[in-house]
Amino acid sequence: MKVIETISDMQTQSLEWRRQGFRIGVVPTMGALHDGHLSLLELANAKADKTILTIFVNPTQFAPGEDLDKYPRTFEQDKTLCEEYGADAVFFPSVEEMYIPNASTWVNEEVLSQGYCGADRPTHFRGVTTIVTKLYNAVLPDVAVFGEKDYQQLQVLKKMTADLNFPIEVVPGKIWREESGLAMSSRNRYLSESEKEAALAIYKSLHMAADEVTEGTDLIKVRQQIFARIVDAGGKIDYVETVDSETLEAVDTANGGIRCLIAAHFGPARLLDNMQLN
């Protein structure tokens, strides 16, 4: 397995693989890998001949006061896991490599990115879409795999990829959960065991909602019940929303595919989760 640190070296390697007729897959990550990331790597391996996992803690998707400096960086462990799970290369650029001095060009998606996490973090998705575009241009993939845990991000990146005519298949990977049901996240390591136990209210409330929702269900009441369960467990909620699974438009009555999206704080961690309700 190769570790590649510059865009030019990454492009050279990808172009060589392309000349050899190989299909290239990419799994963009910020590192601190867990089983969820590794499931995405396995999915990429199944979809492509050569797989590249990228590790880059992207400063432009963090707002002032967020956890950029504290975000876990575990490169040596991550590298070992990538090799064990069959990555052909790890792309591990520096900030200076990805963002040249005085860069002033951004990539914006202006519909799906506007609510939910985009409302709470107004510059977040601009940073995500810009860095993924840069990673596409560095890696030159045929397939890109993103997890469903960041469901709004997944939909934004699918839209961006289509809108900008990238010849890339976007493949979603299912949410990977700890044995308890807590959605796996690199930020889970911020939590104590008691905080992890409390944070299970997110998964439990989603699971109960999925059991209750049928065609025509009043989703306002469903959201109120989820909100109350999480607050009772000690969580601080950014949002609980029920949305159309494709358009992300807010929905108050169950009709068609409905996804419930949650962002909530437990202890020092902001946690995301979601579930299809019908």
Protein backbone atom coordinates (compact mmCIF):
# COMPACT_ATOMS: atom_id res chain seq x y z
CA MET A 1 0.00 0.00 0.00
CA LYS A 2 1.26 3.44 -0.93
CA VAL A 3 1.06 6.62 1.15
CA ILE A 4 0.82 9.61 -1.18
CA GLU A 5 1.13 13.18 0.10
CA THR A 6 1.02 15.44 -2.97
CA ILE A 7 -1.68 16.10 -5.54
CA SER A 8 0.72 15.65 -8.45
CA ASP A 9 1.89 12.25 -7.19
CA MET A 10 -1.71 11.18 -6.58
CA GLN A 11 -2.78 12.21 -10.08
CA THR A 12 0.23 10.46 -11.60
CA GLN A 13 -0.63 7.23 -9.80
CA SER A 14 -4.32 7.40 -10.72
CA LEU A 15 -3.56 8.13 -14.36
CA GLU A 16 -1.20 5.15 -14.47
CA TRP A 17 -3.90 2.89 -13.03
CA ARG A 18 -6.37 4.28 -15.57
CA ARG A 19 -3.97 3.51 -18.43
CA GLN A 20 -3.84 -0.06 -17.13
CA GLY A 21 -7.63 -0.24 -17.34
CA PHE A 22 -8.33 -0.20 -13.61
CA ARG A 23 -11.50 1.27 -12.11
CA ILE A 24 -10.65 3.61 -9.22
CA GLY A 25 -12.62 4.08 -6.01
CA VAL A 26 -12.18 6.71 -3.33
CA VAL A 27 -13.32 6.88 0.31
CA PRO A 28 -12.89 10.45 1.62
CA THR A 29 -12.39 10.62 5.40
CA MET A 30 -10.92 12.87 8.08
CA GLY A 31 -9.16 9.89 9.64
CA ALA A 32 -9.61 8.53 13.19
CA LEU A 33 -10.97 5.48 11.41
CA HIS A 34 -13.56 3.17 12.93
CA ASP A 35 -15.53 0.17 11.67
CA GLY A 36 -17.94 2.44 9.81
CA HIS A 37 -15.11 3.87 7.71
CA LEU A 38 -13.73 0.40 7.13
CA SER A 39 -17.13 -0.80 5.89
CA LEU A 40 -16.99 2.01 3.31
CA LEU A 41 -13.52 0.87 2.29
CA GLU A 42 -14.80 -2.68 1.84
CA LEU A 43 -17.68 -1.35 -0.27
CA ALA A 44 -15.22 0.61 -2.44
CA ASN A 45 -13.08 -2.51 -2.84
CA ALA A 46 -16.15 -4.33 -4.18
CA LYS A 47 -16.93 -1.53 -6.65
CA ALA A 48 -13.43 -0.78 -7.94
CA ASP A 49 -10.12 -2.40 -8.85
CA LYS A 50 -7.96 0.14 -7.02
CA THR A 51 -9.11 1.89 -3.85
CA ILE A 52 -7.79 5.09 -2.31
CA LEU A 53 -8.77 6.22 1.17
CA THR A 54 -8.12 9.90 1.80
CA ILE A 55 -7.26 11.29 5.23
CA PHE A 56 -7.55 15.05 5.54
CA VAL A 57 -8.92 17.05 8.46
CA ASN A 58 -10.46 19.82 6.39
CA PRO A 59 -10.23 23.20 8.16
CA THR A 60 -12.76 24.93 5.91
CA GLN A 61 -15.69 22.84 7.15
CA PHE A 62 -15.10 23.81 10.79
CA ALA A 63 -16.54 27.06 12.14
CA PRO A 64 -14.68 29.19 14.72
CA GLY A 65 -15.02 27.59 18.14
CA GLU A 66 -15.58 24.07 16.79
CA ASP A 67 -13.24 21.14 17.43
CA LEU A 68 -10.71 21.51 14.58
CA ASP A 69 -7.71 21.53 16.93
CA LYS A 70 -9.09 18.74 19.11
CA TYR A 71 -10.27 16.50 16.26
CA PRO A 72 -8.55 13.11 16.73
CA ARG A 73 -5.57 12.47 14.49
CA THR A 74 -4.41 8.84 14.52
CA PHE A 75 -2.54 8.45 11.26
CA GLU A 76 -0.27 5.51 12.13
CA GLN A 77 -3.22 3.47 13.38
CA ASP A 78 -5.30 4.53 10.38
CA LYS A 79 -2.54 3.50 7.98
CA THR A 80 -2.35 0.04 9.52
CA LEU A 81 -6.12 -0.41 9.22
CA CYS A 82 -6.10 0.72 5.59
CA GLU A 83 -3.46 -1.83 4.74
CA GLU A 84 -5.32 -4.55 6.62
CA TYR A 85 -8.60 -3.77 4.84
CA GLY A 86 -7.16 -3.69 1.35
CA ALA A 87 -6.63 -0.05 0.39
CA ASP A 88 -4.19 0.34 -2.48
CA ALA A 89 -3.21 3.85 -1.42
CA VAL A 90 -3.78 6.42 1.32
CA PHE A 91 -3.86 10.02 0.14
CA PHE A 92 -2.61 12.09 3.09
CA PRO A 93 -2.01 15.69 2.00
CA SER A 94 -1.17 18.68 4.17
CA VAL A 95 -3.38 21.75 4.47
CA GLU A 96 -0.82 23.69 2.44
CA GLU A 97 -1.03 21.09 -0.32
CA MET A 98 -4.81 21.26 -0.58
CA TYR A 99 -5.23 25.04 -0.17
CA ILE A 100 -2.75 27.24 -1.98
CA PRO A 101 -2.06 30.69 -0.48
CA ASN A 102 -4.75 33.29 -1.18
CA ALA A 103 -7.16 30.71 -2.62
CA SER A 104 -10.51 32.42 -3.27
CA THR A 105 -12.55 29.85 -5.18
CA TRP A 106 -15.33 27.86 -3.53
CA VAL A 107 -17.86 25.25 -4.59
CA ASN A 108 -21.40 25.86 -3.30
CA GLU A 109 -24.52 23.71 -3.44
CA GLU A 110 -27.35 26.11 -2.71
CA VAL A 111 -30.51 24.07 -2.10
CA LEU A 112 -29.96 20.83 -0.16
CA SER A 113 -27.25 22.42 1.99
CA GLN A 114 -29.39 25.27 3.33
CA GLY A 115 -31.24 23.73 6.29
CA TYR A 116 -30.47 21.43 9.20
CA CYS A 117 -26.66 21.27 9.61
CA GLY A 118 -26.36 24.06 7.04
CA ALA A 119 -28.52 26.35 9.16
CA ASP A 120 -26.50 25.73 12.31
CA ARG A 121 -23.14 25.78 10.52
CA PRO A 122 -23.53 28.22 7.59
CA THR A 123 -20.03 27.72 6.11
CA HIS A 124 -19.84 23.98 6.72
CA PHE A 125 -21.14 22.60 3.44
CA ARG A 126 -19.17 25.12 1.38
CA GLY A 127 -16.08 23.59 2.95
CA VAL A 128 -17.32 20.04 2.33
CA THR A 129 -18.22 20.54 -1.33
CA THR A 130 -15.00 22.44 -2.02
CA ILE A 131 -12.73 19.81 -0.46
CA VAL A 132 -14.54 16.90 -2.11
CA THR A 133 -14.17 18.64 -5.48
CA LYS A 134 -10.46 19.04 -4.77
CA LEU A 135 -10.20 15.38 -3.77
CA TYR A 136 -12.01 14.32 -6.94
CA ASN A 137 -9.50 16.32 -8.98
CA ALA A 138 -6.57 14.81 -7.08
CA VAL A 139 -7.70 11.18 -7.06
CA LEU A 140 -9.58 11.08 -10.42
CA PRO A 141 -11.95 8.34 -9.22
CA ASP A 142 -14.69 6.42 -11.00
CA VAL A 143 -16.51 5.68 -7.74
CA ALA A 144 -16.83 7.68 -4.51
CA VAL A 145 -18.22 6.11 -1.33
CA PHE A 146 -19.83 8.20 1.42
CA GLY A 147 -21.61 7.06 4.57
CA GLU A 148 -25.31 7.57 5.27
CA LYS A 149 -24.70 8.72 8.84
CA ASP A 150 -24.10 12.24 7.50
CA TYR A 151 -27.27 11.94 5.42
CA GLN A 152 -27.58 15.60 4.42
CA GLN A 153 -23.92 15.62 3.41
CA LEU A 154 -24.48 12.50 1.29
CA GLN A 155 -27.39 14.12 -0.55
CA VAL A 156 -25.45 17.37 -1.06
CA LEU A 157 -22.48 15.50 -2.51
CA LYS A 158 -24.68 13.39 -4.80
CA LYS A 159 -26.26 16.61 -6.11
CA MET A 160 -22.92 18.38 -6.51
CA THR A 161 -21.41 15.41 -8.37
CA ALA A 162 -24.35 15.34 -10.80
CA ASP A 163 -24.63 19.12 -11.20
CA LEU A 164 -20.94 19.54 -12.06
CA ASN A 165 -20.93 16.57 -14.47
CA PHE A 166 -18.26 14.61 -12.64
CA PRO A 167 -18.07 11.15 -14.28
CA ILE A 168 -18.20 9.57 -10.84
CA GLU A 169 -20.66 7.08 -9.35
CA VAL A 170 -21.60 8.09 -5.79
CA VAL A 171 -22.22 5.00 -3.66
CA PRO A 172 -23.87 5.30 -0.21
CA GLY A 173 -22.70 3.10 2.65
CA LYS A 174 -25.06 2.15 5.45
CA ILE A 175 -24.77 3.52 8.97
CA TRP A 176 -22.48 1.35 11.08
CA ARG A 177 -23.41 1.12 14.74
CA GLU A 178 -21.76 0.10 17.96
CA GLU A 179 -23.22 -3.02 19.57
CA SER A 180 -25.43 -0.76 21.69
CA GLY A 181 -26.93 0.91 18.61
CA LEU A 182 -25.02 4.20 18.89
CA ALA A 183 -24.01 5.38 15.42
CA MET A 184 -20.24 5.08 14.99
CA SER A 185 -18.43 8.41 14.82
CA SER A 186 -14.86 9.57 15.30
CA ARG A 187 -16.30 11.98 17.88
CA ASN A 188 -17.63 9.12 20.01
CA ARG A 189 -14.17 8.93 21.56
CA TYR A 190 -14.90 12.29 23.21
CA LEU A 191 -17.61 10.58 25.31
CA SER A 192 -17.41 8.86 28.67
CA GLU A 193 -19.21 5.55 29.09
CA SER A 194 -22.07 7.27 30.91
CA GLU A 195 -22.36 9.85 28.14
CA LYS A 196 -22.43 7.08 25.54
CA GLU A 197 -25.22 5.41 27.49
CA ALA A 198 -27.18 8.66 27.59
CA ALA A 199 -26.59 9.29 23.88
CA LEU A 200 -28.34 6.01 23.08
CA ALA A 201 -31.55 8.02 23.45
CA ILE A 202 -30.95 9.19 19.85
CA TYR A 203 -30.99 5.68 18.41
CA LYS A 204 -33.75 4.43 20.69
CA SER A 205 -36.03 7.34 19.82
CA LEU A 206 -35.41 6.83 16.08
CA HIS A 207 -36.11 3.11 16.41
CA MET A 208 -39.37 3.73 18.26
CA ALA A 209 -40.42 6.29 15.66
CA ALA A 210 -39.71 3.85 12.82
CA ASP A 211 -41.95 1.29 14.54
CA GLU A 212 -44.77 3.83 14.87
CA VAL A 213 -44.81 5.58 11.49
CA THR A 214 -47.18 4.40 8.78
CA GLU A 215 -48.74 6.20 5.82
CA GLY A 216 -50.52 9.30 7.09
CA THR A 217 -48.85 9.46 10.53
CA ASP A 218 -48.65 12.95 12.09
CA LEU A 219 -44.90 13.59 12.04
CA ILE A 220 -45.16 16.70 14.20
CA LYS A 221 -46.10 14.47 17.15
CA VAL A 222 -43.35 12.02 16.23
CA ARG A 223 -40.75 14.81 16.31
CA GLN A 224 -42.08 16.08 19.64
CA GLN A 225 -41.75 12.60 21.15
CA ILE A 226 -38.19 12.21 19.86
CA PHE A 227 -37.27 15.67 21.14
CA ALA A 228 -38.62 14.89 24.61
CA ARG A 229 -36.82 11.54 24.85
CA ILE A 230 -33.46 13.03 23.94
CA VAL A 231 -33.84 16.02 26.26
CA ASP A 232 -34.93 13.73 29.11
CA ALA A 233 -31.68 11.79 28.59
CA GLY A 234 -29.64 14.98 28.97
CA GLY A 235 -29.11 15.83 25.32
CA LYS A 236 -29.03 19.32 23.84
CA ILE A 237 -30.75 19.27 20.46
CA ASP A 238 -29.73 21.24 17.38
CA TYR A 239 -32.57 19.80 15.33
CA VAL A 240 -35.01 16.92 14.93
CA GLU A 241 -36.48 16.93 11.43
CA THR A 242 -38.60 14.63 9.27
CA VAL A 243 -37.80 15.08 5.59
CA ASP A 244 -38.42 13.66 2.15
CA SER A 245 -35.62 11.11 1.65
CA GLU A 246 -34.56 12.55 -1.70
CA THR A 247 -35.31 16.28 -1.64
CA LEU A 248 -34.72 16.86 2.10
CA GLU A 249 -37.87 19.00 2.18
CA ALA A 250 -39.47 19.09 5.64
CA VAL A 251 -42.54 16.85 5.91
CA ASP A 252 -45.26 16.88 8.61
CA THR A 253 -47.36 13.94 7.40
CA ALA A 254 -45.92 10.58 6.42
CA ASN A 255 -46.32 10.13 2.68
CA GLY A 256 -43.67 8.39 0.62
CA GLY A 257 -40.08 7.97 1.78
CA ILE A 258 -39.47 9.78 5.08
CA ARG A 259 -36.11 10.18 6.79
CA CYS A 260 -35.71 11.49 10.32
CA LEU A 261 -32.55 13.57 10.83
CA ILE A 262 -31.14 14.37 14.26
CA ALA A 263 -28.22 16.46 15.51
CA ALA A 264 -27.76 16.55 19.28
CA HIS A 265 -25.03 17.26 21.81
CA PHE A 266 -24.07 14.86 24.57
CA GLY A 267 -21.10 15.85 26.68
CA PRO A 268 -18.49 17.48 24.39
CA ALA A 269 -19.69 15.73 21.21
CA ARG A 270 -22.13 16.85 18.53
CA LEU A 271 -23.66 13.63 17.23
CA LEU A 272 -25.56 12.97 14.02
CA ASP A 273 -27.94 10.11 13.31
CA ASN A 274 -30.84 9.37 11.01
CA MET A 275 -33.21 6.59 10.05
CA GLN A 276 -35.71 5.77 7.34
CA LEU A 277 -39.11 5.84 9.03
CA ASN A 278 -41.24 4.01 6.45
